[in-house]
């Protein structure tokens, strides 16, 4: 879950352990859209209520991050999940959607028979993944136990960089380390 000021009012966020680049994907045979900006004015599938929808609407705020809203005046078609949006994209180029915005690693085509391809090499924004708990008082033992659980997982060999390299083949942890969670008083 990406850390936003609105979410931080109700949730306690730990330090992000990895980030995934958000990107735009189009149907596999599309040659029209070379950059995300080319999708301006098009119909784009996004997870409803997710940061992808906020990005598309130009309202996404991530503390300490400058976001370049490269896609202008697009029509957001919201879905219950990113995978449902990708399924609609599989129906064909422009049939229901012109593109889908989602996280790169899960959507990255893993074979030559994939139904979609990334638009350019641009990252639209980064989605931070972190432990999330309901907001408690700063001295709450639940907060302390949650933080301890995060550190215990690393001590048991579930280190974010190791997992990223194993499953994604790239370092998705380095950018997360630069996020300053203390700006929320956490």
C-alpha atoms as a PDB file:
ATOM      1  CA  UNK A   1       0.000   0.000   0.000  1.00  0.00           C
ATOM      2  CA  UNK A   2       1.445   3.351  -0.995  1.00  0.00           C
ATOM      3  CA  UNK A   3       1.896   5.810   1.846  1.00  0.00           C
ATOM      4  CA  UNK A   4      -0.245   8.896   1.321  1.00  0.00           C
ATOM      5  CA  UNK A   5      -1.126  11.672   3.810  1.00  0.00           C
ATOM      6  CA  UNK A   6      -4.799  10.640   3.762  1.00  0.00           C
ATOM      7  CA  UNK A   7      -4.023   7.005   4.571  1.00  0.00           C
ATOM      8  CA  UNK A   8      -1.515   8.021   7.276  1.00  0.00           C
ATOM      9  CA  UNK A   9      -4.352   9.646   9.247  1.00  0.00           C
ATOM     10  CA  UNK A  10      -5.887   6.230   9.937  1.00  0.00           C
ATOM     11  CA  UNK A  11      -3.021   3.781   9.494  1.00  0.00           C
ATOM     12  CA  UNK A  12       0.435   3.304  10.946  1.00  0.00           C
ATOM     13  CA  UNK A  13       3.009   2.727   8.212  1.00  0.00           C
ATOM     14  CA  UNK A  14       6.367   1.154   8.857  1.00  0.00           C
ATOM     15  CA  UNK A  15       9.419   1.941   6.759  1.00  0.00           C
ATOM     16  CA  UNK A  16       8.730   0.699   3.203  1.00  0.00           C
ATOM     17  CA  UNK A  17      10.687  -2.437   2.397  1.00  0.00           C
ATOM     18  CA  UNK A  18      10.399  -2.232  -1.374  1.00  0.00           C
ATOM     19  CA  UNK A  19       8.824  -0.158  -4.116  1.00  0.00           C
ATOM     20  CA  UNK A  20       7.476  -1.179  -7.469  1.00  0.00           C
ATOM     21  CA  UNK A  21       7.419   1.093 -10.485  1.00  0.00           C
ATOM     22  CA  UNK A  22       3.946   1.834 -11.835  1.00  0.00           C
ATOM     23  CA  UNK A  23       3.728   1.768 -15.616  1.00  0.00           C
ATOM     24  CA  UNK A  24       1.245   1.859 -18.469  1.00  0.00           C
ATOM     25  CA  UNK A  25       0.571  -1.273 -20.497  1.00  0.00           C
ATOM     26  CA  UNK A  26      -1.101  -1.580 -23.913  1.00  0.00           C
ATOM     27  CA  UNK A  27      -2.268  -4.484 -26.058  1.00  0.00           C
ATOM     28  CA  UNK A  28       0.608  -6.587 -27.395  1.00  0.00           C
ATOM     29  CA  UNK A  29       0.264  -5.514 -31.043  1.00  0.00           C
ATOM     30  CA  UNK A  30      -0.128  -1.783 -30.366  1.00  0.00           C
ATOM     31  CA  UNK A  31       2.501   0.395 -32.039  1.00  0.00           C
ATOM     32  CA  UNK A  32       0.759   3.765 -31.594  1.00  0.00           C
ATOM     33  CA  UNK A  33       1.653   4.565 -27.984  1.00  0.00           C
ATOM     34  CA  UNK A  34       5.398   5.016 -27.529  1.00  0.00           C
ATOM     35  CA  UNK A  35       5.401   7.069 -24.295  1.00  0.00           C
ATOM     36  CA  UNK A  36       2.926   7.462 -21.426  1.00  0.00           C
ATOM     37  CA  UNK A  37       2.100  10.988 -22.665  1.00  0.00           C
ATOM     38  CA  UNK A  38       0.752   9.405 -25.867  1.00  0.00           C
ATOM     39  CA  UNK A  39      -2.081   8.000 -23.727  1.00  0.00           C
ATOM     40  CA  UNK A  40      -3.464  11.468 -22.985  1.00  0.00           C
ATOM     41  CA  UNK A  41      -7.186  11.582 -23.741  1.00  0.00           C
ATOM     42  CA  UNK A  42      -7.438   7.764 -23.948  1.00  0.00           C
ATOM     43  CA  UNK A  43      -9.473   5.221 -21.941  1.00  0.00           C
ATOM     44  CA  UNK A  44      -7.254   3.672 -19.265  1.00  0.00           C
ATOM     45  CA  UNK A  45      -8.081   0.884 -16.822  1.00  0.00           C
ATOM     46  CA  UNK A  46      -7.026   1.297 -13.197  1.00  0.00           C
ATOM     47  CA  UNK A  47      -7.780  -0.269  -9.834  1.00  0.00           C
ATOM     48  CA  UNK A  48     -10.579   1.850  -8.337  1.00  0.00           C
ATOM     49  CA  UNK A  49      -9.525   3.743  -5.211  1.00  0.00           C
ATOM     50  CA  UNK A  50      -5.864   2.854  -5.788  1.00  0.00           C
ATOM     51  CA  UNK A  51      -2.969   5.231  -6.308  1.00  0.00           C
ATOM     52  CA  UNK A  52      -3.127   4.421 -10.029  1.00  0.00           C
ATOM     53  CA  UNK A  53      -6.527   6.130 -10.202  1.00  0.00           C
ATOM     54  CA  UNK A  54      -5.209   9.113  -8.214  1.00  0.00           C
ATOM     55  CA  UNK A  55      -2.230   9.339 -10.564  1.00  0.00           C
ATOM     56  CA  UNK A  56      -4.468   9.317 -13.623  1.00  0.00           C
ATOM     57  CA  UNK A  57      -6.696  12.015 -12.105  1.00  0.00           C
ATOM     58  CA  UNK A  58      -3.639  14.143 -11.252  1.00  0.00           C
ATOM     59  CA  UNK A  59      -4.352  14.075  -7.512  1.00  0.00           C
ATOM     60  CA  UNK A  60      -1.759  11.607  -6.200  1.00  0.00           C
ATOM     61  CA  UNK A  61       0.378  12.940  -3.345  1.00  0.00           C
ATOM     62  CA  UNK A  62       3.238  10.870  -1.948  1.00  0.00           C
ATOM     63  CA  UNK A  63       5.244  12.726   0.716  1.00  0.00           C
ATOM     64  CA  UNK A  64       8.765  13.554  -0.394  1.00  0.00           C
ATOM     65  CA  UNK A  65       8.125  12.444  -3.990  1.00  0.00           C
ATOM     66  CA  UNK A  66       7.697  14.661  -7.032  1.00  0.00           C
ATOM     67  CA  UNK A  67       5.217  13.121  -9.444  1.00  0.00           C
ATOM     68  CA  UNK A  68       5.143  14.103 -13.103  1.00  0.00           C
ATOM     69  CA  UNK A  69       1.590  13.651 -14.324  1.00  0.00           C
ATOM     70  CA  UNK A  70       2.475  12.825 -17.923  1.00  0.00           C
ATOM     71  CA  UNK A  71      -0.941  11.515 -18.967  1.00  0.00           C
ATOM     72  CA  UNK A  72      -3.501  14.315 -19.363  1.00  0.00           C
ATOM     73  CA  UNK A  73      -7.304  14.228 -19.718  1.00  0.00           C
ATOM     74  CA  UNK A  74      -7.564  10.450 -19.857  1.00  0.00           C
ATOM     75  CA  UNK A  75     -10.773   8.650 -18.992  1.00  0.00           C
ATOM     76  CA  UNK A  76     -10.280   6.349 -16.016  1.00  0.00           C
ATOM     77  CA  UNK A  77     -12.225   3.106 -16.129  1.00  0.00           C
ATOM     78  CA  UNK A  78     -12.064   1.651 -12.624  1.00  0.00           C
ATOM     79  CA  UNK A  79     -11.865  -2.043 -11.779  1.00  0.00           C
ATOM     80  CA  UNK A  80     -11.953  -4.121  -8.609  1.00  0.00           C
ATOM     81  CA  UNK A  81      -8.374  -5.274  -9.258  1.00  0.00           C
ATOM     82  CA  UNK A  82      -5.556  -4.605 -11.700  1.00  0.00           C
ATOM     83  CA  UNK A  83      -5.838  -8.141 -13.070  1.00  0.00           C
ATOM     84  CA  UNK A  84      -9.473  -7.525 -14.072  1.00  0.00           C
ATOM     85  CA  UNK A  85      -8.365  -4.440 -15.995  1.00  0.00           C
ATOM     86  CA  UNK A  86      -5.600  -6.432 -17.716  1.00  0.00           C
ATOM     87  CA  UNK A  87      -8.198  -9.074 -18.653  1.00  0.00           C
ATOM     88  CA  UNK A  88     -10.241  -6.388 -20.435  1.00  0.00           C
ATOM     89  CA  UNK A  89      -7.092  -5.219 -22.227  1.00  0.00           C
ATOM     90  CA  UNK A  90      -6.594  -8.810 -23.460  1.00  0.00           C
ATOM     91  CA  UNK A  91      -9.805  -8.479 -25.508  1.00  0.00           C
ATOM     92  CA  UNK A  92      -7.877  -6.447 -28.072  1.00  0.00           C
ATOM     93  CA  UNK A  93      -6.397  -3.073 -28.855  1.00  0.00           C
ATOM     94  CA  UNK A  94      -8.959  -0.407 -27.951  1.00  0.00           C
ATOM     95  CA  UNK A  95     -11.858  -2.872 -27.613  1.00  0.00           C
ATOM     96  CA  UNK A  96     -12.624  -1.824 -24.015  1.00  0.00           C
ATOM     97  CA  UNK A  97      -9.407  -0.060 -23.049  1.00  0.00           C
ATOM     98  CA  UNK A  98      -6.485   1.674 -24.654  1.00  0.00           C
ATOM     99  CA  UNK A  99      -4.181   0.905 -21.715  1.00  0.00           C
ATOM    100  CA  UNK A 100      -3.917  -0.204 -18.081  1.00  0.00           C
ATOM    101  CA  UNK A 101      -1.831   1.395 -15.343  1.00  0.00           C
ATOM    102  CA  UNK A 102      -0.495  -1.040 -12.770  1.00  0.00           C
ATOM    103  CA  UNK A 103       2.710  -2.153 -11.054  1.00  0.00           C
ATOM    104  CA  UNK A 104       5.430  -3.301 -13.434  1.00  0.00           C
ATOM    105  CA  UNK A 105       6.578  -6.563 -11.833  1.00  0.00           C
ATOM    106  CA  UNK A 106       3.208  -8.355 -11.679  1.00  0.00           C
ATOM    107  CA  UNK A 107       2.139  -7.053 -15.092  1.00  0.00           C
ATOM    108  CA  UNK A 108       5.476  -7.403 -16.858  1.00  0.00           C
ATOM    109  CA  UNK A 109       4.959  -9.938 -19.638  1.00  0.00           C
ATOM    110  CA  UNK A 110       6.797 -13.138 -18.771  1.00  0.00           C
ATOM    111  CA  UNK A 111       6.503 -14.790 -22.165  1.00  0.00           C
ATOM    112  CA  UNK A 112       6.255 -13.998 -25.843  1.00  0.00           C
ATOM    113  CA  UNK A 113       2.576 -15.003 -25.746  1.00  0.00           C
ATOM    114  CA  UNK A 114       1.651 -12.258 -23.257  1.00  0.00           C
ATOM    115  CA  UNK A 115      -1.336 -10.124 -24.226  1.00  0.00           C
ATOM    116  CA  UNK A 116       0.192  -6.773 -23.262  1.00  0.00           C
ATOM    117  CA  UNK A 117       3.397  -4.746 -23.351  1.00  0.00           C
ATOM    118  CA  UNK A 118       4.780  -1.799 -21.399  1.00  0.00           C
ATOM    119  CA  UNK A 119       4.600   1.676 -22.924  1.00  0.00           C
ATOM    120  CA  UNK A 120       8.168   2.950 -23.167  1.00  0.00           C
ATOM    121  CA  UNK A 121      10.525   2.585 -20.240  1.00  0.00           C
ATOM    122  CA  UNK A 122       9.025   5.323 -18.082  1.00  0.00           C
ATOM    123  CA  UNK A 123       8.049   4.854 -14.465  1.00  0.00           C
ATOM    124  CA  UNK A 124       4.879   6.835 -13.754  1.00  0.00           C
ATOM    125  CA  UNK A 125       5.379   6.726  -9.989  1.00  0.00           C
ATOM    126  CA  UNK A 126       6.524   4.192  -7.395  1.00  0.00           C
ATOM    127  CA  UNK A 127       4.220   2.113  -5.236  1.00  0.00           C
ATOM    128  CA  UNK A 128       5.690   1.610  -1.750  1.00  0.00           C
ATOM    129  CA  UNK A 129       5.082  -1.625   0.065  1.00  0.00           C
ATOM    130  CA  UNK A 130       5.173  -1.509   3.830  1.00  0.00           C
ATOM    131  CA  UNK A 131       3.660  -3.052   6.903  1.00  0.00           C
ATOM    132  CA  UNK A 132       0.322  -1.417   7.723  1.00  0.00           C
ATOM    133  CA  UNK A 133      -1.494  -1.413  11.028  1.00  0.00           C
ATOM    134  CA  UNK A 134      -4.390   0.578  12.478  1.00  0.00           C
ATOM    135  CA  UNK A 135      -3.309   3.857  14.070  1.00  0.00           C
ATOM    136  CA  UNK A 136      -2.423   3.463  17.775  1.00  0.00           C
ATOM    137  CA  UNK A 137      -0.749   5.697  20.330  1.00  0.00           C
ATOM    138  CA  UNK A 138       2.966   5.998  19.704  1.00  0.00           C
ATOM    139  CA  UNK A 139       3.845   3.906  22.776  1.00  0.00           C
ATOM    140  CA  UNK A 140       1.387   1.128  21.997  1.00  0.00           C
ATOM    141  CA  UNK A 141       2.755  -2.370  22.430  1.00  0.00           C
ATOM    142  CA  UNK A 142       0.915  -3.357  19.226  1.00  0.00           C
ATOM    143  CA  UNK A 143       2.987  -0.875  17.229  1.00  0.00           C
ATOM    144  CA  UNK A 144       6.160  -2.102  18.907  1.00  0.00           C
ATOM    145  CA  UNK A 145       5.282  -5.770  18.245  1.00  0.00           C
ATOM    146  CA  UNK A 146       4.482  -5.004  14.596  1.00  0.00           C
ATOM    147  CA  UNK A 147       7.821  -3.280  14.095  1.00  0.00           C
ATOM    148  CA  UNK A 148       9.554  -6.188  15.798  1.00  0.00           C
ATOM    149  CA  UNK A 149       7.805  -8.630  13.443  1.00  0.00           C
ATOM    150  CA  UNK A 150       9.117  -6.669  10.428  1.00  0.00           C
ATOM    151  CA  UNK A 151      12.688  -6.893  11.762  1.00  0.00           C
ATOM    152  CA  UNK A 152      12.270 -10.552  12.753  1.00  0.00           C
ATOM    153  CA  UNK A 153      11.350 -11.429   9.146  1.00  0.00           C
ATOM    154  CA  UNK A 154      14.569  -9.844   7.902  1.00  0.00           C
ATOM    155  CA  UNK A 155      16.560 -11.722  10.547  1.00  0.00           C
ATOM    156  CA  UNK A 156      14.975 -14.988   9.367  1.00  0.00           C
ATOM    157  CA  UNK A 157      16.297 -14.499   5.841  1.00  0.00           C
ATOM    158  CA  UNK A 158      13.291 -12.776   4.315  1.00  0.00           C
ATOM    159  CA  UNK A 159      15.339  -9.716   3.428  1.00  0.00           C
ATOM    160  CA  UNK A 160      13.627  -7.459   0.864  1.00  0.00           C
ATOM    161  CA  UNK A 161      16.612  -7.233  -1.498  1.00  0.00           C
ATOM    162  CA  UNK A 162      17.106 -10.997  -1.450  1.00  0.00           C
ATOM    163  CA  UNK A 163      13.421 -11.590  -2.213  1.00  0.00           C
ATOM    164  CA  UNK A 164      13.344  -8.925  -4.945  1.00  0.00           C
ATOM    165  CA  UNK A 165      16.337 -10.401  -6.693  1.00  0.00           C
ATOM    166  CA  UNK A 166      14.929 -13.930  -6.341  1.00  0.00           C
ATOM    167  CA  UNK A 167      11.435 -13.186  -7.633  1.00  0.00           C
ATOM    168  CA  UNK A 168      11.762 -10.042  -9.766  1.00  0.00           C
ATOM    169  CA  UNK A 169      15.378 -10.066 -10.915  1.00  0.00           C
ATOM    170  CA  UNK A 170      15.914  -6.436  -9.900  1.00  0.00           C
ATOM    171  CA  UNK A 171      16.515  -4.332  -6.800  1.00  0.00           C
ATOM    172  CA  UNK A 172      13.130  -2.981  -5.718  1.00  0.00           C
ATOM    173  CA  UNK A 173      14.345  -2.313  -2.168  1.00  0.00           C
ATOM    174  CA  UNK A 174      16.851   0.535  -2.693  1.00  0.00           C
ATOM    175  CA  UNK A 175      14.279   3.220  -3.515  1.00  0.00           C
ATOM    176  CA  UNK A 176      12.198   2.240  -0.475  1.00  0.00           C
ATOM    177  CA  UNK A 177      15.164   2.851   1.810  1.00  0.00           C
ATOM    178  CA  UNK A 178      15.191   6.537   0.816  1.00  0.00           C
ATOM    179  CA  UNK A 179      11.620   7.150   2.051  1.00  0.00           C
ATOM    180  CA  UNK A 180      11.484   9.036   5.354  1.00  0.00           C
ATOM    181  CA  UNK A 181       8.583   7.521   7.322  1.00  0.00           C
ATOM    182  CA  UNK A 182       9.418   9.810  10.262  1.00  0.00           C
ATOM    183  CA  UNK A 183       7.686  12.699   8.472  1.00  0.00           C
ATOM    184  CA  UNK A 184       4.452  11.186   9.780  1.00  0.00           C
ATOM    185  CA  UNK A 185       5.771  11.116  13.337  1.00  0.00           C
ATOM    186  CA  UNK A 186       6.158   7.339  13.178  1.00  0.00           C
END
